[in-house]
Amino acid sequence: MIKRDKKRESRIAKERVVYLIKRAEEWKNKDYELARRYVELAKKIAMRYRVRVPRGLKTIYCKKCLYPYKSDRFRVRVRKGRVIVTCLNCGFERRIPVR
């Protein structure tokens, strides 16, 4: 029986997550459904191998509907010490504290 190299697996998984989210960012203006699928796959890989999606990439897409934020599909407001990003596809509000 071959032993799994979990550190290597998680490193590869993290690379793939970053790659897929960057591809989604490239494709969001050309094919919105494909961009959403890239984000969905990245999230599945991250959950399967228990790796975190980097914070900078986490704010690129909606947590609920997984669509990447496109210029006409989200709203940004600053209120009471936090940034509120509203997805106009599903209505989900993400609250990000201002440091």
N, C-alpha and C. Protein backbone atom coordinates (compact mmCIF):
# COMPACT_ATOMS: atom_id res chain seq x y z
N MET A 1 0.83 -1.18 0.00
CA MET A 1 0.00 0.00 0.00
C MET A 1 0.88 1.25 0.00
N ILE A 2 0.53 2.21 -0.85
CA ILE A 2 1.31 3.44 -0.98
C ILE A 2 0.75 4.50 -0.04
N LYS A 3 1.64 5.17 0.68
CA LYS A 3 1.23 6.22 1.60
C LYS A 3 1.04 7.53 0.84
N ARG A 4 -0.04 8.26 1.18
CA ARG A 4 -0.31 9.54 0.53
C ARG A 4 0.61 10.62 1.07
N ASP A 5 1.04 11.51 0.19
CA ASP A 5 1.85 12.66 0.59
C ASP A 5 0.90 13.86 0.71
N LYS A 6 0.35 14.06 1.91
CA LYS A 6 -0.71 15.05 2.10
C LYS A 6 -0.22 16.48 1.92
N LYS A 7 1.02 16.75 2.29
CA LYS A 7 1.54 18.11 2.10
C LYS A 7 1.62 18.44 0.62
N ARG A 8 2.06 17.48 -0.16
CA ARG A 8 2.16 17.69 -1.61
C ARG A 8 0.77 17.86 -2.21
N GLU A 9 -0.17 17.03 -1.76
CA GLU A 9 -1.55 17.13 -2.25
C GLU A 9 -2.15 18.50 -1.96
N SER A 10 -1.95 18.99 -0.74
CA SER A 10 -2.53 20.28 -0.38
C SER A 10 -1.85 21.43 -1.13
N ARG A 11 -0.55 21.31 -1.38
CA ARG A 11 0.16 22.34 -2.16
C ARG A 11 -0.39 22.39 -3.59
N ILE A 12 -0.57 21.24 -4.20
CA ILE A 12 -1.12 21.16 -5.56
C ILE A 12 -2.55 21.69 -5.58
N ALA A 13 -3.33 21.32 -4.57
CA ALA A 13 -4.72 21.79 -4.50
C ALA A 13 -4.78 23.31 -4.40
N LYS A 14 -3.91 23.89 -3.58
CA LYS A 14 -3.90 25.35 -3.43
C LYS A 14 -3.52 26.03 -4.75
N GLU A 15 -2.54 25.46 -5.44
CA GLU A 15 -2.14 26.01 -6.75
C GLU A 15 -3.32 25.97 -7.73
N ARG A 16 -4.05 24.87 -7.73
CA ARG A 16 -5.19 24.72 -8.64
C ARG A 16 -6.31 25.68 -8.29
N VAL A 17 -6.55 25.88 -7.00
CA VAL A 17 -7.59 26.82 -6.56
C VAL A 17 -7.25 28.22 -7.06
N VAL A 18 -6.01 28.64 -6.85
CA VAL A 18 -5.58 29.98 -7.29
C VAL A 18 -5.69 30.10 -8.81
N TYR A 19 -5.25 29.07 -9.53
CA TYR A 19 -5.31 29.08 -10.98
C TYR A 19 -6.75 29.20 -11.48
N LEU A 20 -7.66 28.40 -10.91
CA LEU A 20 -9.05 28.41 -11.36
C LEU A 20 -9.73 29.76 -11.09
N ILE A 21 -9.45 30.35 -9.96
CA ILE A 21 -10.08 31.65 -9.65
C ILE A 21 -9.53 32.74 -10.56
N LYS A 22 -8.25 32.67 -10.88
CA LYS A 22 -7.68 33.65 -11.82
C LYS A 22 -8.26 33.46 -13.22
N ARG A 23 -8.48 32.21 -13.62
CA ARG A 23 -9.12 31.95 -14.91
C ARG A 23 -10.55 32.49 -14.93
N ALA A 24 -11.25 32.35 -13.82
CA ALA A 24 -12.61 32.88 -13.72
C ALA A 24 -12.59 34.39 -13.90
N GLU A 25 -11.58 35.04 -13.32
CA GLU A 25 -11.45 36.49 -13.43
C GLU A 25 -11.21 36.90 -14.90
N GLU A 26 -10.44 36.09 -15.62
CA GLU A 26 -10.18 36.37 -17.04
C GLU A 26 -11.45 36.19 -17.89
N TRP A 27 -12.24 35.17 -17.58
CA TRP A 27 -13.37 34.79 -18.42
C TRP A 27 -14.69 35.44 -18.05
N LYS A 28 -14.74 36.20 -16.96
CA LYS A 28 -16.04 36.71 -16.50
C LYS A 28 -16.72 37.65 -17.49
N ASN A 29 -15.97 38.33 -18.33
CA ASN A 29 -16.58 39.23 -19.31
C ASN A 29 -16.92 38.53 -20.63
N LYS A 30 -16.32 37.35 -20.87
CA LYS A 30 -16.57 36.62 -22.12
C LYS A 30 -17.68 35.58 -21.94
N ASP A 31 -17.51 34.72 -20.94
CA ASP A 31 -18.48 33.65 -20.70
C ASP A 31 -18.73 33.56 -19.20
N TYR A 32 -19.81 34.18 -18.75
CA TYR A 32 -20.10 34.31 -17.32
C TYR A 32 -20.37 32.96 -16.67
N GLU A 33 -21.05 32.06 -17.38
CA GLU A 33 -21.34 30.73 -16.84
C GLU A 33 -20.07 29.91 -16.64
N LEU A 34 -19.14 30.00 -17.59
CA LEU A 34 -17.87 29.28 -17.47
C LEU A 34 -17.07 29.81 -16.29
N ALA A 35 -17.08 31.12 -16.12
CA ALA A 35 -16.37 31.73 -14.99
C ALA A 35 -16.95 31.23 -13.67
N ARG A 36 -18.27 31.12 -13.61
CA ARG A 36 -18.91 30.60 -12.40
C ARG A 36 -18.50 29.15 -12.15
N ARG A 37 -18.42 28.37 -13.20
CA ARG A 37 -18.02 26.97 -13.07
C ARG A 37 -16.59 26.85 -12.54
N TYR A 38 -15.70 27.73 -13.00
CA TYR A 38 -14.32 27.73 -12.50
C TYR A 38 -14.29 27.98 -10.99
N VAL A 39 -15.10 28.94 -10.54
CA VAL A 39 -15.16 29.25 -9.11
C VAL A 39 -15.73 28.06 -8.34
N GLU A 40 -16.75 27.42 -8.90
CA GLU A 40 -17.36 26.26 -8.26
C GLU A 40 -16.34 25.13 -8.11
N LEU A 41 -15.57 24.86 -9.15
CA LEU A 41 -14.55 23.81 -9.08
C LEU A 41 -13.48 24.16 -8.06
N ALA A 42 -13.06 25.43 -8.05
CA ALA A 42 -12.04 25.85 -7.09
C ALA A 42 -12.53 25.64 -5.66
N LYS A 43 -13.77 25.97 -5.41
CA LYS A 43 -14.34 25.81 -4.07
C LYS A 43 -14.42 24.33 -3.69
N LYS A 44 -14.81 23.49 -4.63
CA LYS A 44 -14.89 22.05 -4.36
C LYS A 44 -13.52 21.46 -4.03
N ILE A 45 -12.50 21.87 -4.80
CA ILE A 45 -11.14 21.39 -4.55
C ILE A 45 -10.67 21.85 -3.17
N ALA A 46 -10.94 23.12 -2.84
CA ALA A 46 -10.53 23.67 -1.55
C ALA A 46 -11.18 22.91 -0.39
N MET A 47 -12.46 22.57 -0.54
CA MET A 47 -13.15 21.83 0.52
C MET A 47 -12.64 20.39 0.60
N ARG A 48 -12.42 19.77 -0.53
CA ARG A 48 -12.01 18.37 -0.56
C ARG A 48 -10.63 18.18 0.09
N TYR A 49 -9.71 19.10 -0.18
CA TYR A 49 -8.35 18.97 0.35
C TYR A 49 -8.10 19.88 1.55
N ARG A 50 -9.15 20.52 2.04
CA ARG A 50 -9.08 21.38 3.23
C ARG A 50 -7.99 22.43 3.12
N VAL A 51 -8.00 23.17 2.03
CA VAL A 51 -7.09 24.30 1.88
C VAL A 51 -7.91 25.57 1.84
N ARG A 52 -7.33 26.64 2.32
CA ARG A 52 -8.03 27.92 2.32
C ARG A 52 -7.87 28.63 0.99
N VAL A 53 -8.93 29.29 0.59
CA VAL A 53 -8.85 30.17 -0.57
C VAL A 53 -8.21 31.46 -0.06
N PRO A 54 -7.15 31.96 -0.71
CA PRO A 54 -6.49 33.17 -0.23
C PRO A 54 -7.47 34.34 -0.09
N ARG A 55 -7.27 35.17 0.92
CA ARG A 55 -8.20 36.25 1.25
C ARG A 55 -8.43 37.19 0.07
N GLY A 56 -7.37 37.53 -0.66
CA GLY A 56 -7.52 38.42 -1.80
C GLY A 56 -8.40 37.84 -2.90
N LEU A 57 -8.37 36.53 -3.05
CA LEU A 57 -9.18 35.88 -4.09
C LEU A 57 -10.59 35.58 -3.60
N LYS A 58 -10.77 35.53 -2.28
CA LYS A 58 -12.08 35.23 -1.72
C LYS A 58 -13.09 36.34 -2.00
N THR A 59 -12.60 37.57 -2.10
CA THR A 59 -13.49 38.71 -2.29
C THR A 59 -13.83 38.97 -3.75
N ILE A 60 -13.34 38.14 -4.65
CA ILE A 60 -13.56 38.32 -6.09
C ILE A 60 -14.92 37.77 -6.52
N TYR A 61 -15.47 36.83 -5.77
CA TYR A 61 -16.73 36.20 -6.18
C TYR A 61 -17.73 36.18 -5.02
N CYS A 62 -19.00 36.00 -5.37
CA CYS A 62 -20.08 35.93 -4.39
C CYS A 62 -20.02 34.58 -3.67
N LYS A 63 -20.13 34.63 -2.36
CA LYS A 63 -20.05 33.42 -1.54
C LYS A 63 -21.27 32.52 -1.73
N LYS A 64 -22.41 33.11 -2.07
CA LYS A 64 -23.65 32.34 -2.17
C LYS A 64 -23.86 31.74 -3.56
N CYS A 65 -23.84 32.59 -4.60
CA CYS A 65 -24.14 32.09 -5.95
C CYS A 65 -22.89 31.76 -6.76
N LEU A 66 -21.71 32.07 -6.23
CA LEU A 66 -20.40 31.75 -6.81
C LEU A 66 -20.11 32.45 -8.14
N TYR A 67 -20.87 33.49 -8.48
CA TYR A 67 -20.57 34.25 -9.68
C TYR A 67 -19.47 35.26 -9.38
N PRO A 68 -18.47 35.39 -10.26
CA PRO A 68 -17.45 36.42 -10.04
C PRO A 68 -18.10 37.80 -10.17
N TYR A 69 -17.66 38.74 -9.35
CA TYR A 69 -18.22 40.08 -9.41
C TYR A 69 -17.83 40.75 -10.72
N LYS A 70 -18.83 41.20 -11.45
CA LYS A 70 -18.67 41.89 -12.72
C LYS A 70 -19.11 43.33 -12.47
N SER A 71 -18.61 44.28 -13.21
CA SER A 71 -18.83 45.70 -12.92
C SER A 71 -20.29 46.09 -12.75
N ASP A 72 -21.20 45.46 -13.48
CA ASP A 72 -22.61 45.83 -13.37
C ASP A 72 -23.41 44.87 -12.49
N ARG A 73 -22.76 43.91 -11.86
CA ARG A 73 -23.48 42.90 -11.08
C ARG A 73 -23.21 42.96 -9.58
N PHE A 74 -22.62 44.06 -9.08
CA PHE A 74 -22.45 44.19 -7.64
C PHE A 74 -22.42 45.67 -7.24
N ARG A 75 -22.71 45.90 -5.96
CA ARG A 75 -22.74 47.26 -5.42
C ARG A 75 -21.85 47.30 -4.18
N VAL A 76 -21.09 48.39 -4.02
CA VAL A 76 -20.21 48.54 -2.87
C VAL A 76 -20.62 49.77 -2.08
N ARG A 77 -20.79 49.60 -0.77
CA ARG A 77 -21.12 50.71 0.13
C ARG A 77 -20.20 50.64 1.34
N VAL A 78 -19.89 51.81 1.90
CA VAL A 78 -19.10 51.87 3.12
C VAL A 78 -20.02 52.42 4.20
N ARG A 79 -20.15 51.65 5.30
CA ARG A 79 -21.08 52.04 6.35
C ARG A 79 -20.65 51.49 7.71
N LYS A 80 -20.61 52.34 8.70
CA LYS A 80 -20.29 51.95 10.08
C LYS A 80 -19.03 51.10 10.20
N GLY A 81 -17.97 51.54 9.57
CA GLY A 81 -16.69 50.85 9.71
C GLY A 81 -16.57 49.54 8.96
N ARG A 82 -17.42 49.32 7.97
CA ARG A 82 -17.27 48.11 7.16
C ARG A 82 -17.67 48.40 5.71
N VAL A 83 -17.13 47.58 4.84
CA VAL A 83 -17.47 47.66 3.41
C VAL A 83 -18.54 46.61 3.16
N ILE A 84 -19.63 47.02 2.55
CA ILE A 84 -20.73 46.08 2.25
C ILE A 84 -20.79 45.89 0.75
N VAL A 85 -20.51 44.67 0.30
CA VAL A 85 -20.56 44.32 -1.12
C VAL A 85 -21.84 43.52 -1.33
N THR A 86 -22.73 44.03 -2.19
CA THR A 86 -23.99 43.36 -2.46
C THR A 86 -23.95 42.76 -3.85
N CYS A 87 -24.23 41.46 -3.94
CA CYS A 87 -24.32 40.78 -5.23
C CYS A 87 -25.69 41.07 -5.81
N LEU A 88 -25.74 41.54 -7.04
CA LEU A 88 -27.02 41.86 -7.67
C LEU A 88 -27.61 40.65 -8.40
N ASN A 89 -26.88 39.51 -8.42
CA ASN A 89 -27.45 38.27 -8.96
C ASN A 89 -28.39 37.64 -7.95
N CYS A 90 -27.92 37.51 -6.70
CA CYS A 90 -28.71 36.79 -5.70
C CYS A 90 -29.11 37.64 -4.51
N GLY A 91 -28.52 38.83 -4.35
CA GLY A 91 -28.87 39.70 -3.25
C GLY A 91 -28.06 39.49 -1.98
N PHE A 92 -27.08 38.60 -2.02
CA PHE A 92 -26.25 38.32 -0.85
C PHE A 92 -25.38 39.53 -0.52
N GLU A 93 -25.29 39.85 0.78
CA GLU A 93 -24.46 40.97 1.23
C GLU A 93 -23.26 40.44 1.98
N ARG A 94 -22.07 40.80 1.53
CA ARG A 94 -20.84 40.42 2.22
C ARG A 94 -20.34 41.65 2.97
N ARG A 95 -20.13 41.50 4.27
CA ARG A 95 -19.64 42.60 5.10
C ARG A 95 -18.18 42.39 5.44
N ILE A 96 -17.33 43.32 5.02
CA ILE A 96 -15.89 43.21 5.23
C ILE A 96 -15.48 44.34 6.17
N PRO A 97 -14.92 44.04 7.36
CA PRO A 97 -14.52 45.10 8.27
C PRO A 97 -13.36 45.92 7.72
N VAL A 98 -13.41 47.24 7.95
CA VAL A 98 -12.33 48.12 7.54
C VAL A 98 -11.32 48.15 8.67
N ARG A 99 -10.06 47.94 8.35
CA ARG A 99 -9.02 47.91 9.39
C ARG A 99 -8.41 49.25 9.59
